[in-house]
Amino acid sequence: MASNSSQASLLLQKQLKDLCKNPVDGFSAGLVDEGNLFEWSVTIIGPPDTLYEGGFFNAIMTFPQNYPNSPPTVRFTSEIWHPNVYTDGKVCISILHPPGDDPNGYELASERWTPVHTVESIVLSIISMLSSPNDESPANVEAAKQWRERRDEFRKKVGRCVRKSQEFV
C-alpha cells in the first residue's frame, strides 16, 4: 500500500513541477496545502467564445492513494450551472469514471479513466466540457433540460455564475 501512495506522490510532484514550469492556457493549479500532494486547487478560466467566458471557476481536485490507477474527483467550489456538474459541484465526465466497462453501458471503456491522464489532460477535458455540454447523460438534469429547452434562461443563469466568480478574483 505504501508503495502505491509514494508512487502517486512522485507522479503528482512531477505533474505539479511540469505545470509550474510550463503553465497551460485556461487554468492554473497548485496544492491546497503544501503538505498534501493529494489535494489540488484548480482555477479554470471560462473558455473564450463560450457562455462561461470571463469566469474564474475554482475547483478542488482530490486524488486517490492509488493514483494513477484510479481517477481523482473534481468538485467546483465556485457556483457553476452546467449539465455535467452535479448541484454539489462534482464534475461528471467520462474520463473521471473508473476504468473499464461502464456498468450502465453509456460509455466505452476507451472513454473512461486510464492512467495516462494527467492533471493537465483532466482540466483540459473539463474546459472542453464547459464549451460543449453533453446533455445525453446529465449530472444536473435541471441544467440539461434548461440547456435544451430554454437556452436564454440557461445563458442568464450561467452569466450570473460568471459575474459571481469575478467578485472573488
N, C-alpha and C. Protein backbone atom coordinates (compact mmCIF):
# COMPACT_ATOMS: atom_id res chain seq x y z
N MET A 1 0.84 -1.19 0.00
CA MET A 1 0.00 0.00 0.00
C MET A 1 0.88 1.26 0.00
N ALA A 2 1.87 1.28 0.87
CA ALA A 2 2.73 2.46 0.97
C ALA A 2 3.39 2.78 -0.36
N SER A 3 3.79 1.71 -1.08
CA SER A 3 4.47 1.97 -2.35
C SER A 3 3.51 2.62 -3.35
N ASN A 4 2.25 2.21 -3.30
CA ASN A 4 1.25 2.83 -4.17
C ASN A 4 1.16 4.32 -3.92
N SER A 5 1.02 4.70 -2.65
CA SER A 5 0.82 6.12 -2.39
C SER A 5 2.11 6.90 -2.60
N SER A 6 3.29 6.25 -2.41
CA SER A 6 4.51 7.00 -2.69
C SER A 6 4.72 7.15 -4.19
N GLN A 7 4.30 6.15 -4.97
CA GLN A 7 4.34 6.28 -6.44
C GLN A 7 3.42 7.42 -6.86
N ALA A 8 2.24 7.45 -6.28
CA ALA A 8 1.28 8.51 -6.60
C ALA A 8 1.87 9.87 -6.24
N SER A 9 2.51 9.95 -5.08
CA SER A 9 3.12 11.22 -4.66
C SER A 9 4.17 11.69 -5.66
N LEU A 10 5.01 10.76 -6.08
CA LEU A 10 6.07 11.12 -7.03
C LEU A 10 5.47 11.62 -8.34
N LEU A 11 4.46 10.93 -8.81
CA LEU A 11 3.82 11.32 -10.06
C LEU A 11 3.16 12.70 -9.92
N LEU A 12 2.46 12.92 -8.83
CA LEU A 12 1.79 14.21 -8.61
C LEU A 12 2.82 15.33 -8.47
N GLN A 13 3.93 15.05 -7.79
CA GLN A 13 5.00 16.05 -7.67
C GLN A 13 5.51 16.44 -9.05
N LYS A 14 5.73 15.43 -9.89
CA LYS A 14 6.24 15.68 -11.23
C LYS A 14 5.24 16.52 -12.03
N GLN A 15 3.96 16.16 -11.96
CA GLN A 15 2.95 16.90 -12.71
C GLN A 15 2.84 18.35 -12.23
N LEU A 16 2.97 18.54 -10.92
CA LEU A 16 2.93 19.89 -10.36
C LEU A 16 4.11 20.70 -10.88
N LYS A 17 5.29 20.08 -10.85
CA LYS A 17 6.50 20.76 -11.32
C LYS A 17 6.35 21.12 -12.81
N ASP A 18 5.85 20.18 -13.61
CA ASP A 18 5.66 20.43 -15.05
C ASP A 18 4.71 21.60 -15.28
N LEU A 19 3.62 21.65 -14.52
CA LEU A 19 2.65 22.74 -14.69
C LEU A 19 3.22 24.08 -14.25
N CYS A 20 4.09 24.06 -13.24
CA CYS A 20 4.71 25.32 -12.79
C CYS A 20 5.70 25.81 -13.85
N LYS A 21 6.44 24.87 -14.44
CA LYS A 21 7.43 25.24 -15.46
C LYS A 21 6.76 25.64 -16.77
N ASN A 22 5.72 24.91 -17.15
CA ASN A 22 5.04 25.16 -18.43
C ASN A 22 3.55 25.35 -18.18
N PRO A 23 3.15 26.54 -17.73
CA PRO A 23 1.73 26.76 -17.47
C PRO A 23 0.91 26.57 -18.74
N VAL A 24 -0.30 26.12 -18.57
CA VAL A 24 -1.19 25.85 -19.70
C VAL A 24 -2.26 26.93 -19.73
N ASP A 25 -2.53 27.45 -20.92
CA ASP A 25 -3.57 28.47 -21.04
C ASP A 25 -4.90 27.92 -20.55
N GLY A 26 -5.64 28.74 -19.85
CA GLY A 26 -7.00 28.37 -19.48
C GLY A 26 -7.17 27.92 -18.04
N PHE A 27 -6.07 27.62 -17.36
CA PHE A 27 -6.23 27.25 -15.95
C PHE A 27 -4.93 27.39 -15.18
N SER A 28 -5.06 27.43 -13.87
CA SER A 28 -3.87 27.37 -13.02
C SER A 28 -4.16 26.33 -11.95
N ALA A 29 -3.10 25.71 -11.44
CA ALA A 29 -3.28 24.65 -10.45
C ALA A 29 -2.15 24.69 -9.44
N GLY A 30 -2.46 24.30 -8.24
CA GLY A 30 -1.45 24.21 -7.19
C GLY A 30 -2.02 23.40 -6.04
N LEU A 31 -1.22 23.22 -5.02
CA LEU A 31 -1.69 22.43 -3.88
C LEU A 31 -2.55 23.29 -2.97
N VAL A 32 -3.58 22.67 -2.38
CA VAL A 32 -4.42 23.36 -1.41
C VAL A 32 -3.56 23.66 -0.19
N ASP A 33 -2.73 22.66 0.17
CA ASP A 33 -1.89 22.77 1.35
C ASP A 33 -0.56 22.10 1.00
N GLU A 34 0.52 22.83 1.18
CA GLU A 34 1.85 22.34 0.76
C GLU A 34 2.16 20.93 1.27
N GLY A 35 1.57 20.54 2.38
CA GLY A 35 1.89 19.23 2.96
C GLY A 35 1.09 18.08 2.37
N ASN A 36 0.20 18.37 1.42
CA ASN A 36 -0.67 17.30 0.91
C ASN A 36 -0.72 17.33 -0.61
N LEU A 37 0.01 16.39 -1.23
CA LEU A 37 0.04 16.31 -2.70
C LEU A 37 -1.25 15.78 -3.30
N PHE A 38 -2.14 15.26 -2.46
CA PHE A 38 -3.34 14.59 -2.98
C PHE A 38 -4.55 15.52 -3.10
N GLU A 39 -4.36 16.79 -2.75
CA GLU A 39 -5.47 17.74 -2.89
C GLU A 39 -4.98 19.00 -3.57
N TRP A 40 -5.52 19.25 -4.76
CA TRP A 40 -5.10 20.39 -5.57
C TRP A 40 -6.22 21.39 -5.69
N SER A 41 -5.81 22.65 -5.79
CA SER A 41 -6.75 23.72 -6.05
C SER A 41 -6.55 24.12 -7.51
N VAL A 42 -7.63 24.17 -8.25
CA VAL A 42 -7.55 24.49 -9.67
C VAL A 42 -8.47 25.68 -9.96
N THR A 43 -7.98 26.63 -10.73
CA THR A 43 -8.84 27.71 -11.20
C THR A 43 -8.93 27.60 -12.71
N ILE A 44 -10.16 27.45 -13.17
CA ILE A 44 -10.40 27.33 -14.61
C ILE A 44 -10.95 28.66 -15.09
N ILE A 45 -10.34 29.18 -16.14
CA ILE A 45 -10.81 30.44 -16.71
C ILE A 45 -11.83 30.07 -17.78
N GLY A 46 -13.01 30.67 -17.68
CA GLY A 46 -14.06 30.36 -18.64
C GLY A 46 -13.54 30.50 -20.06
N PRO A 47 -13.69 29.44 -20.89
CA PRO A 47 -13.13 29.47 -22.24
C PRO A 47 -13.74 30.57 -23.11
N PRO A 48 -12.90 31.22 -23.94
CA PRO A 48 -13.39 32.27 -24.84
C PRO A 48 -14.48 31.72 -25.77
N ASP A 49 -15.39 32.59 -26.17
CA ASP A 49 -16.47 32.21 -27.09
C ASP A 49 -17.39 31.14 -26.52
N THR A 50 -17.49 31.07 -25.19
CA THR A 50 -18.48 30.18 -24.58
C THR A 50 -19.29 31.02 -23.60
N LEU A 51 -20.35 30.45 -23.07
CA LEU A 51 -21.16 31.17 -22.08
C LEU A 51 -20.37 31.43 -20.81
N TYR A 52 -19.29 30.67 -20.60
CA TYR A 52 -18.51 30.78 -19.36
C TYR A 52 -17.35 31.76 -19.48
N GLU A 53 -17.21 32.39 -20.66
CA GLU A 53 -16.11 33.32 -20.91
C GLU A 53 -16.03 34.39 -19.84
N GLY A 54 -14.80 34.63 -19.35
CA GLY A 54 -14.60 35.68 -18.37
C GLY A 54 -14.75 35.22 -16.92
N GLY A 55 -15.22 33.98 -16.73
CA GLY A 55 -15.40 33.48 -15.37
C GLY A 55 -14.11 32.88 -14.82
N PHE A 56 -14.00 32.87 -13.51
CA PHE A 56 -12.87 32.23 -12.83
C PHE A 56 -13.48 31.20 -11.88
N PHE A 57 -13.44 29.95 -12.29
CA PHE A 57 -14.12 28.91 -11.53
C PHE A 57 -13.12 28.07 -10.76
N ASN A 58 -13.31 28.04 -9.45
CA ASN A 58 -12.38 27.30 -8.60
C ASN A 58 -12.92 25.89 -8.36
N ALA A 59 -11.98 24.96 -8.30
CA ALA A 59 -12.35 23.58 -8.05
C ALA A 59 -11.27 22.93 -7.19
N ILE A 60 -11.65 21.86 -6.53
CA ILE A 60 -10.71 21.06 -5.75
C ILE A 60 -10.60 19.71 -6.45
N MET A 61 -9.38 19.30 -6.70
CA MET A 61 -9.12 18.00 -7.33
C MET A 61 -8.52 17.11 -6.25
N THR A 62 -9.19 16.02 -5.95
CA THR A 62 -8.74 15.12 -4.88
C THR A 62 -8.32 13.79 -5.50
N PHE A 63 -7.07 13.43 -5.26
CA PHE A 63 -6.51 12.21 -5.85
C PHE A 63 -6.57 11.05 -4.87
N PRO A 64 -6.88 9.85 -5.37
CA PRO A 64 -6.87 8.67 -4.51
C PRO A 64 -5.43 8.23 -4.26
N GLN A 65 -5.22 7.44 -3.22
CA GLN A 65 -3.87 6.96 -2.90
C GLN A 65 -3.30 6.09 -4.01
N ASN A 66 -4.19 5.47 -4.81
CA ASN A 66 -3.69 4.59 -5.88
C ASN A 66 -3.66 5.27 -7.25
N TYR A 67 -3.66 6.61 -7.24
CA TYR A 67 -3.48 7.35 -8.49
C TYR A 67 -2.15 6.91 -9.11
N PRO A 68 -2.00 6.70 -10.40
CA PRO A 68 -2.95 6.99 -11.48
C PRO A 68 -3.85 5.82 -11.86
N ASN A 69 -3.91 4.77 -11.03
CA ASN A 69 -4.77 3.64 -11.40
C ASN A 69 -6.25 3.97 -11.26
N SER A 70 -6.56 4.91 -10.39
CA SER A 70 -7.94 5.38 -10.24
C SER A 70 -7.96 6.89 -10.45
N PRO A 71 -9.09 7.40 -10.93
CA PRO A 71 -9.18 8.83 -11.23
C PRO A 71 -9.38 9.68 -9.98
N PRO A 72 -9.00 10.96 -10.07
CA PRO A 72 -9.32 11.89 -8.98
C PRO A 72 -10.80 12.27 -9.06
N THR A 73 -11.28 12.92 -8.02
CA THR A 73 -12.60 13.56 -8.13
C THR A 73 -12.33 15.05 -8.27
N VAL A 74 -13.20 15.72 -9.01
CA VAL A 74 -13.08 17.16 -9.20
C VAL A 74 -14.41 17.77 -8.79
N ARG A 75 -14.32 18.75 -7.88
CA ARG A 75 -15.55 19.41 -7.42
C ARG A 75 -15.35 20.92 -7.49
N PHE A 76 -16.25 21.57 -8.22
CA PHE A 76 -16.20 23.04 -8.27
C PHE A 76 -16.60 23.58 -6.90
N THR A 77 -15.85 24.56 -6.42
CA THR A 77 -16.23 25.25 -5.19
C THR A 77 -16.90 26.57 -5.56
N SER A 78 -16.70 27.02 -6.79
CA SER A 78 -17.43 28.19 -7.29
C SER A 78 -18.80 27.70 -7.77
N GLU A 79 -19.77 28.57 -7.68
CA GLU A 79 -21.08 28.21 -8.20
C GLU A 79 -20.98 28.08 -9.71
N ILE A 80 -21.50 26.98 -10.23
CA ILE A 80 -21.46 26.78 -11.69
C ILE A 80 -22.72 26.05 -12.10
N TRP A 81 -23.29 26.46 -13.23
CA TRP A 81 -24.53 25.87 -13.74
C TRP A 81 -24.18 25.18 -15.05
N HIS A 82 -24.26 23.86 -15.05
CA HIS A 82 -23.82 23.10 -16.22
C HIS A 82 -24.44 21.70 -16.18
N PRO A 83 -24.87 21.18 -17.32
CA PRO A 83 -25.48 19.84 -17.34
C PRO A 83 -24.57 18.73 -16.80
N ASN A 84 -23.25 18.90 -16.89
CA ASN A 84 -22.34 17.84 -16.47
C ASN A 84 -21.68 18.09 -15.12
N VAL A 85 -22.29 18.98 -14.33
CA VAL A 85 -21.79 19.24 -12.98
C VAL A 85 -22.96 19.06 -12.02
N TYR A 86 -22.78 18.16 -11.05
CA TYR A 86 -23.82 17.94 -10.05
C TYR A 86 -24.06 19.22 -9.26
N THR A 87 -25.22 19.30 -8.60
CA THR A 87 -25.54 20.52 -7.86
C THR A 87 -24.55 20.76 -6.72
N ASP A 88 -23.84 19.71 -6.26
CA ASP A 88 -22.83 19.91 -5.20
C ASP A 88 -21.47 20.31 -5.79
N GLY A 89 -21.42 20.50 -7.13
CA GLY A 89 -20.18 20.96 -7.76
C GLY A 89 -19.33 19.84 -8.35
N LYS A 90 -19.68 18.58 -8.09
CA LYS A 90 -18.87 17.48 -8.58
C LYS A 90 -18.99 17.36 -10.11
N VAL A 91 -17.84 17.26 -10.76
CA VAL A 91 -17.79 17.18 -12.22
C VAL A 91 -18.04 15.74 -12.66
N CYS A 92 -18.88 15.61 -13.67
CA CYS A 92 -19.19 14.28 -14.19
C CYS A 92 -18.81 14.21 -15.67
N ILE A 93 -17.60 13.71 -15.94
CA ILE A 93 -17.20 13.47 -17.33
C ILE A 93 -16.58 12.07 -17.40
N SER A 94 -16.65 11.50 -18.59
CA SER A 94 -16.24 10.10 -18.78
C SER A 94 -14.86 9.80 -18.23
N ILE A 95 -13.88 10.69 -18.50
CA ILE A 95 -12.52 10.33 -18.11
C ILE A 95 -12.33 10.29 -16.60
N LEU A 96 -13.30 10.80 -15.83
CA LEU A 96 -13.19 10.71 -14.37
C LEU A 96 -13.93 9.50 -13.82
N HIS A 97 -14.50 8.68 -14.71
CA HIS A 97 -15.18 7.47 -14.26
C HIS A 97 -14.19 6.33 -14.17
N PRO A 98 -14.38 5.42 -13.22
CA PRO A 98 -13.42 4.33 -13.02
C PRO A 98 -13.13 3.60 -14.32
N PRO A 99 -11.90 3.05 -14.44
CA PRO A 99 -11.51 2.38 -15.68
C PRO A 99 -12.37 1.15 -15.96
N GLY A 100 -12.37 0.74 -17.21
CA GLY A 100 -13.08 -0.48 -17.59
C GLY A 100 -14.43 -0.17 -18.19
N ASP A 101 -15.25 -1.22 -18.30
CA ASP A 101 -16.54 -1.06 -18.96
C ASP A 101 -17.53 -0.34 -18.05
N ASP A 102 -18.39 0.45 -18.67
CA ASP A 102 -19.41 1.20 -17.96
C ASP A 102 -20.53 0.23 -17.56
N PRO A 103 -20.81 0.10 -16.26
CA PRO A 103 -21.88 -0.80 -15.83
C PRO A 103 -23.24 -0.40 -16.43
N ASN A 104 -23.40 0.89 -16.77
CA ASN A 104 -24.67 1.35 -17.35
C ASN A 104 -24.69 1.27 -18.87
N GLY A 105 -23.52 0.96 -19.45
CA GLY A 105 -23.47 0.79 -20.90
C GLY A 105 -23.49 2.08 -21.71
N TYR A 106 -23.29 3.25 -21.05
CA TYR A 106 -23.31 4.52 -21.80
C TYR A 106 -21.97 4.83 -22.44
N GLU A 107 -20.89 4.43 -21.77
CA GLU A 107 -19.57 4.86 -22.23
C GLU A 107 -18.73 3.67 -22.65
N LEU A 108 -17.88 3.90 -23.62
CA LEU A 108 -16.91 2.88 -23.99
C LEU A 108 -15.79 2.89 -22.96
N ALA A 109 -15.15 1.74 -22.77
CA ALA A 109 -14.02 1.68 -21.84
C ALA A 109 -12.96 2.71 -22.25
N SER A 110 -12.82 2.93 -23.55
CA SER A 110 -11.79 3.86 -24.05
C SER A 110 -12.08 5.31 -23.68
N GLU A 111 -13.33 5.61 -23.31
CA GLU A 111 -13.69 6.99 -22.94
C GLU A 111 -13.49 7.23 -21.45
N ARG A 112 -13.29 6.15 -20.70
CA ARG A 112 -13.21 6.25 -19.24
C ARG A 112 -11.77 6.46 -18.79
N TRP A 113 -11.57 6.50 -17.48
CA TRP A 113 -10.25 6.76 -16.91
C TRP A 113 -9.20 5.78 -17.40
N THR A 114 -8.03 6.31 -17.76
CA THR A 114 -6.85 5.47 -17.96
C THR A 114 -5.69 6.19 -17.29
N PRO A 115 -4.69 5.42 -16.83
CA PRO A 115 -3.58 6.02 -16.10
C PRO A 115 -2.73 7.01 -16.91
N VAL A 116 -2.97 7.12 -18.21
CA VAL A 116 -2.18 8.09 -18.98
C VAL A 116 -2.66 9.52 -18.74
N HIS A 117 -3.85 9.68 -18.18
CA HIS A 117 -4.35 11.04 -17.94
C HIS A 117 -3.51 11.74 -16.88
N THR A 118 -3.36 13.05 -17.08
CA THR A 118 -2.61 13.88 -16.14
C THR A 118 -3.54 14.98 -15.66
N VAL A 119 -3.07 15.75 -14.70
CA VAL A 119 -3.85 16.91 -14.24
C VAL A 119 -4.20 17.77 -15.45
N GLU A 120 -3.21 17.98 -16.31
CA GLU A 120 -3.44 18.82 -17.49
C GLU A 120 -4.54 18.25 -18.39
N SER A 121 -4.47 16.96 -18.70
CA SER A 121 -5.48 16.39 -19.61
C SER A 121 -6.87 16.40 -18.97
N ILE A 122 -6.93 16.23 -17.65
CA ILE A 122 -8.22 16.25 -16.95
C ILE A 122 -8.82 17.66 -17.04
N VAL A 123 -8.00 18.66 -16.71
CA VAL A 123 -8.53 20.03 -16.70
C VAL A 123 -8.90 20.46 -18.12
N LEU A 124 -8.10 20.07 -19.10
CA LEU A 124 -8.45 20.41 -20.49
C LEU A 124 -9.76 19.75 -20.90
N SER A 125 -10.03 18.55 -20.39
CA SER A 125 -11.32 17.90 -20.66
C SER A 125 -12.47 18.65 -20.01
N ILE A 126 -12.22 19.19 -18.81
CA ILE A 126 -13.27 19.97 -18.14
C ILE A 126 -13.52 21.27 -18.89
N ILE A 127 -12.46 21.90 -19.39
CA ILE A 127 -12.62 23.12 -20.18
C ILE A 127 -13.43 22.81 -21.44
N SER A 128 -13.13 21.69 -22.05
CA SER A 128 -13.86 21.28 -23.24
C SER A 128 -15.33 20.99 -22.90
N MET A 129 -15.57 20.40 -21.73
CA MET A 129 -16.94 20.15 -21.26
C MET A 129 -17.70 21.46 -21.10
N LEU A 130 -17.02 22.51 -20.59
CA LEU A 130 -17.68 23.81 -20.45
C LEU A 130 -18.09 24.34 -21.82
N SER A 131 -17.23 24.12 -22.81
CA SER A 131 -17.50 24.61 -24.16
C SER A 131 -18.65 23.87 -24.82
N SER A 132 -18.74 22.57 -24.58
CA SER A 132 -19.80 21.80 -25.23
C SER A 132 -20.39 20.78 -24.26
N PRO A 133 -21.45 21.19 -23.56
CA PRO A 133 -22.10 20.29 -22.61
C PRO A 133 -22.62 19.03 -23.29
N ASN A 134 -22.56 17.93 -22.56
CA ASN A 134 -23.15 16.68 -23.04
C ASN A 134 -24.45 16.50 -22.28
N ASP A 135 -25.57 16.74 -22.95
CA ASP A 135 -26.84 16.61 -22.23
C ASP A 135 -27.46 15.22 -22.40
N GLU A 136 -26.68 14.28 -22.95
CA GLU A 136 -27.18 12.91 -23.13
C GLU A 136 -27.27 12.19 -21.78
N SER A 137 -26.24 12.34 -20.96
CA SER A 137 -26.28 11.69 -19.63
C SER A 137 -25.91 12.74 -18.59
N PRO A 138 -26.86 13.64 -18.31
CA PRO A 138 -26.54 14.78 -17.44
C PRO A 138 -26.38 14.41 -15.97
N ALA A 139 -25.52 15.16 -15.29
CA ALA A 139 -25.38 15.06 -13.84
C ALA A 139 -26.41 15.99 -13.20
N ASN A 140 -26.67 17.11 -13.87
CA ASN A 140 -27.65 18.07 -13.38
C ASN A 140 -28.79 18.10 -14.41
N VAL A 141 -29.84 17.34 -14.11
CA VAL A 141 -30.96 17.17 -15.06
C VAL A 141 -31.64 18.50 -15.33
N GLU A 142 -31.79 19.31 -14.29
CA GLU A 142 -32.43 20.62 -14.43
C GLU A 142 -31.65 21.50 -15.41
N ALA A 143 -30.32 21.54 -15.25
CA ALA A 143 -29.49 22.35 -16.15
C ALA A 143 -29.56 21.81 -17.57
N ALA A 144 -29.59 20.49 -17.72
CA ALA A 144 -29.64 19.89 -19.06
C ALA A 144 -30.96 20.23 -19.75
N LYS A 145 -32.06 20.15 -18.99
CA LYS A 145 -33.37 20.49 -19.55
C LYS A 145 -33.40 21.94 -19.98
N GLN A 146 -32.85 22.80 -19.12
CA GLN A 146 -32.83 24.23 -19.43
C GLN A 146 -31.95 24.49 -20.66
N TRP A 147 -30.80 23.80 -20.74
CA TRP A 147 -29.88 23.93 -21.88
C TRP A 147 -30.61 23.56 -23.18
N ARG A 148 -31.41 22.48 -23.13
CA ARG A 148 -32.13 22.02 -24.32
C ARG A 148 -33.33 22.87 -24.67
N GLU A 149 -34.12 23.22 -23.64
CA GLU A 149 -35.45 23.79 -23.92
C GLU A 149 -35.56 25.29 -23.72
N ARG A 150 -34.73 25.86 -22.85
CA ARG A 150 -34.84 27.30 -22.55
C ARG A 150 -33.44 27.90 -22.52
N ARG A 151 -32.80 27.91 -23.68
CA ARG A 151 -31.39 28.30 -23.76
C ARG A 151 -31.13 29.70 -23.22
N ASP A 152 -32.06 30.64 -23.43
CA ASP A 152 -31.82 32.00 -22.95
C ASP A 152 -31.83 32.06 -21.42
N GLU A 153 -32.68 31.26 -20.76
CA GLU A 153 -32.67 31.22 -19.29
C GLU A 153 -31.36 30.58 -18.81
N PHE A 154 -30.94 29.55 -19.53
CA PHE A 154 -29.67 28.89 -19.20
C PHE A 154 -28.54 29.91 -19.28
N ARG A 155 -28.54 30.67 -20.38
CA ARG A 155 -27.50 31.68 -20.62
C ARG A 155 -27.46 32.69 -19.47
N LYS A 156 -28.65 33.16 -19.03
CA LYS A 156 -28.72 34.14 -17.95
C LYS A 156 -28.16 33.58 -16.66
N LYS A 157 -28.53 32.32 -16.37
CA LYS A 157 -28.08 31.70 -15.12
C LYS A 157 -26.56 31.53 -15.12
N VAL A 158 -26.01 31.11 -16.26
CA VAL A 158 -24.55 30.97 -16.38
C VAL A 158 -23.90 32.34 -16.23
N GLY A 159 -24.49 33.35 -16.85
CA GLY A 159 -23.98 34.73 -16.75
C GLY A 159 -23.87 35.18 -15.30
N ARG A 160 -24.88 34.82 -14.50
CA ARG A 160 -24.84 35.17 -13.07
C ARG A 160 -23.67 34.46 -12.38
N CYS A 161 -23.46 33.19 -12.72
CA CYS A 161 -22.33 32.43 -12.14
C CYS A 161 -21.00 33.08 -12.53
N VAL A 162 -20.89 33.51 -13.79
CA VAL A 162 -19.65 34.14 -14.27
C VAL A 162 -19.39 35.43 -13.48
N ARG A 163 -20.43 36.27 -13.36
CA ARG A 163 -20.25 37.53 -12.62
C ARG A 163 -19.89 37.27 -11.16
N LYS A 164 -20.54 36.29 -10.56
CA LYS A 164 -20.26 35.95 -9.17
C LYS A 164 -18.80 35.49 -9.04
N SER A 165 -18.32 34.72 -10.01
CA SER A 165 -16.95 34.20 -9.94
C SER A 165 -15.92 35.32 -10.06
N GLN A 166 -16.31 36.40 -10.70
CA GLN A 166 -15.37 37.53 -10.90
C GLN A 166 -15.22 38.35 -9.63
N GLU A 167 -16.20 38.26 -8.71
CA GLU A 167 -16.14 39.05 -7.47
C GLU A 167 -15.02 38.58 -6.57
N PHE A 168 -14.61 37.33 -6.72
CA PHE A 168 -13.63 36.75 -5.79
C PHE A 168 -12.22 36.81 -6.32
N VAL A 169 -12.04 37.41 -7.49
CA VAL A 169 -10.70 37.41 -8.08
C VAL A 169 -9.84 38.49 -7.43
